[in-house]
Amino acid sequence: MVYAIVKAGGRQEKVAVGDTLFVDRIDAATGSTISFPAVLVVDGAAVTSDPKVLSGVKVTGEVIEEVKGPKIHILRFKNKTGHRRRQGFRSKNTRVKITAINGMK
């Protein structure tokens, strides 16, 4: 089985061909192709982490849709003063389907 660790949206994600992952919002149209830089590639028993070899590896994916993440509730409270502040936040994410891991020999 071939899989790769890629940099995606400030994090590192483990991906294989056919996987769907949620990354921080990418400014790309639905259906467009994007590529991710590989940090590590595992092909069966062979593990590749050499930056010179990985510069030729290309992990490509297709943008499926833009979605919102789960709502996070933020509540600030100060004791004995009656001060309360409630706030919510939903992150904007992009759903990507991995289509290929190219460049391995």
Protein backbone atom coordinates (compact mmCIF):
# COMPACT_ATOMS: atom_id res chain seq x y z
CA MET A 1 0.00 0.00 0.00
CA VAL A 2 1.29 3.44 -0.94
CA TYR A 3 0.58 6.44 1.25
CA ALA A 4 2.15 9.81 1.89
CA ILE A 5 2.38 12.40 4.63
CA VAL A 6 1.68 15.83 3.09
CA LYS A 7 1.64 19.43 4.30
CA ALA A 8 -1.93 20.66 4.06
CA GLY A 9 -3.34 23.76 5.67
CA GLY A 10 -0.73 24.21 8.39
CA ARG A 11 -0.89 20.55 9.42
CA GLN A 12 0.47 17.25 8.20
CA GLU A 13 -2.03 14.69 6.92
CA LYS A 14 -1.66 11.00 6.04
CA VAL A 15 -3.21 10.39 2.60
CA ALA A 16 -3.59 7.57 0.10
CA VAL A 17 -5.15 7.54 -3.35
CA GLY A 18 -8.93 7.81 -3.04
CA ASP A 19 -8.91 9.39 0.43
CA THR A 20 -11.01 12.45 1.20
CA LEU A 21 -9.66 15.01 3.63
CA PHE A 22 -10.68 18.35 5.07
CA VAL A 23 -8.04 21.11 4.96
CA ASP A 24 -8.12 24.81 5.79
CA ARG A 25 -9.82 26.82 3.05
CA ILE A 26 -7.99 26.81 -0.27
CA ASP A 27 -8.86 29.50 -2.80
CA ALA A 28 -9.63 27.16 -5.72
CA ALA A 29 -12.75 26.44 -7.73
CA THR A 30 -14.74 23.23 -7.30
CA GLY A 31 -13.38 20.55 -9.61
CA SER A 32 -9.93 22.12 -9.97
CA THR A 33 -6.72 20.19 -9.33
CA ILE A 34 -4.27 21.12 -6.57
CA SER A 35 -1.00 19.61 -5.41
CA PHE A 36 0.50 19.14 -1.95
CA PRO A 37 4.19 18.91 -0.98
CA ALA A 38 5.13 15.47 0.37
CA VAL A 39 7.03 15.13 3.65
CA LEU A 40 7.27 11.31 3.67
CA VAL A 41 6.24 8.54 1.27
CA VAL A 42 5.72 4.88 2.20
CA ASP A 43 5.59 2.34 -0.64
CA GLY A 44 5.23 -1.09 0.93
CA ALA A 45 8.43 -1.62 2.91
CA ALA A 46 10.27 1.35 1.33
CA VAL A 47 10.10 4.56 3.36
CA THR A 48 11.32 7.73 1.63
CA SER A 49 12.05 10.90 3.61
CA ASP A 50 14.98 12.34 1.62
CA PRO A 51 14.14 15.93 0.57
CA LYS A 52 15.97 15.54 -2.77
CA VAL A 53 13.84 12.54 -3.73
CA LEU A 54 10.64 14.05 -2.34
CA SER A 55 11.06 17.20 -4.43
CA GLY A 56 10.05 15.08 -7.43
CA VAL A 57 7.05 13.49 -5.71
CA LYS A 58 3.72 15.10 -6.51
CA VAL A 59 0.54 14.41 -4.53
CA THR A 60 -2.45 15.72 -6.46
CA GLY A 61 -6.03 16.14 -5.40
CA GLU A 62 -9.35 17.42 -6.71
CA VAL A 63 -11.37 20.08 -4.87
CA ILE A 64 -14.81 18.63 -4.13
CA GLU A 65 -16.50 21.44 -2.17
CA GLU A 66 -16.13 24.16 0.41
CA VAL A 67 -17.71 23.42 3.79
CA LYS A 68 -17.92 24.93 7.25
CA GLY A 69 -16.43 23.14 10.24
CA PRO A 70 -18.21 22.41 13.52
CA LYS A 71 -19.33 25.34 15.63
CA ILE A 72 -17.08 26.25 18.53
CA HIS A 73 -18.74 28.01 21.49
CA ILE A 74 -16.66 30.61 23.27
CA LEU A 75 -17.87 31.91 26.64
CA ARG A 76 -16.06 34.52 28.71
CA PHE A 77 -17.15 35.00 32.30
CA LYS A 78 -15.94 37.20 35.15
CA ASN A 79 -16.94 36.33 38.66
CA LYS A 80 -19.08 38.69 40.82
CA THR A 81 -19.45 41.37 38.14
CA GLY A 82 -22.21 39.96 35.94
CA HIS A 83 -19.89 40.16 32.92
CA ARG A 84 -20.62 37.43 30.37
CA ARG A 85 -19.79 37.33 26.69
CA ARG A 86 -20.83 34.58 24.31
CA GLN A 87 -19.32 34.12 20.87
CA GLY A 88 -19.30 31.40 18.22
CA PHE A 89 -16.93 30.45 15.42
CA ARG A 90 -17.05 28.11 12.41
CA SER A 91 -13.92 27.54 10.36
CA LYS A 92 -14.06 27.48 6.57
CA ASN A 93 -12.66 24.23 5.15
CA THR A 94 -12.16 22.66 1.74
CA ARG A 95 -12.91 19.00 1.05
CA VAL A 96 -10.27 17.43 -1.23
CA LYS A 97 -10.15 13.96 -2.79
CA ILE A 98 -6.63 12.62 -3.41
CA THR A 99 -6.30 11.43 -7.01
CA ALA A 100 -2.63 10.44 -7.43
CA ILE A 101 0.78 10.08 -5.81
CA ASN A 102 3.30 10.46 -8.66
CA GLY A 103 7.07 10.51 -8.90
CA MET A 104 8.03 7.33 -7.02
CA LYS A 105 10.24 4.81 -8.82
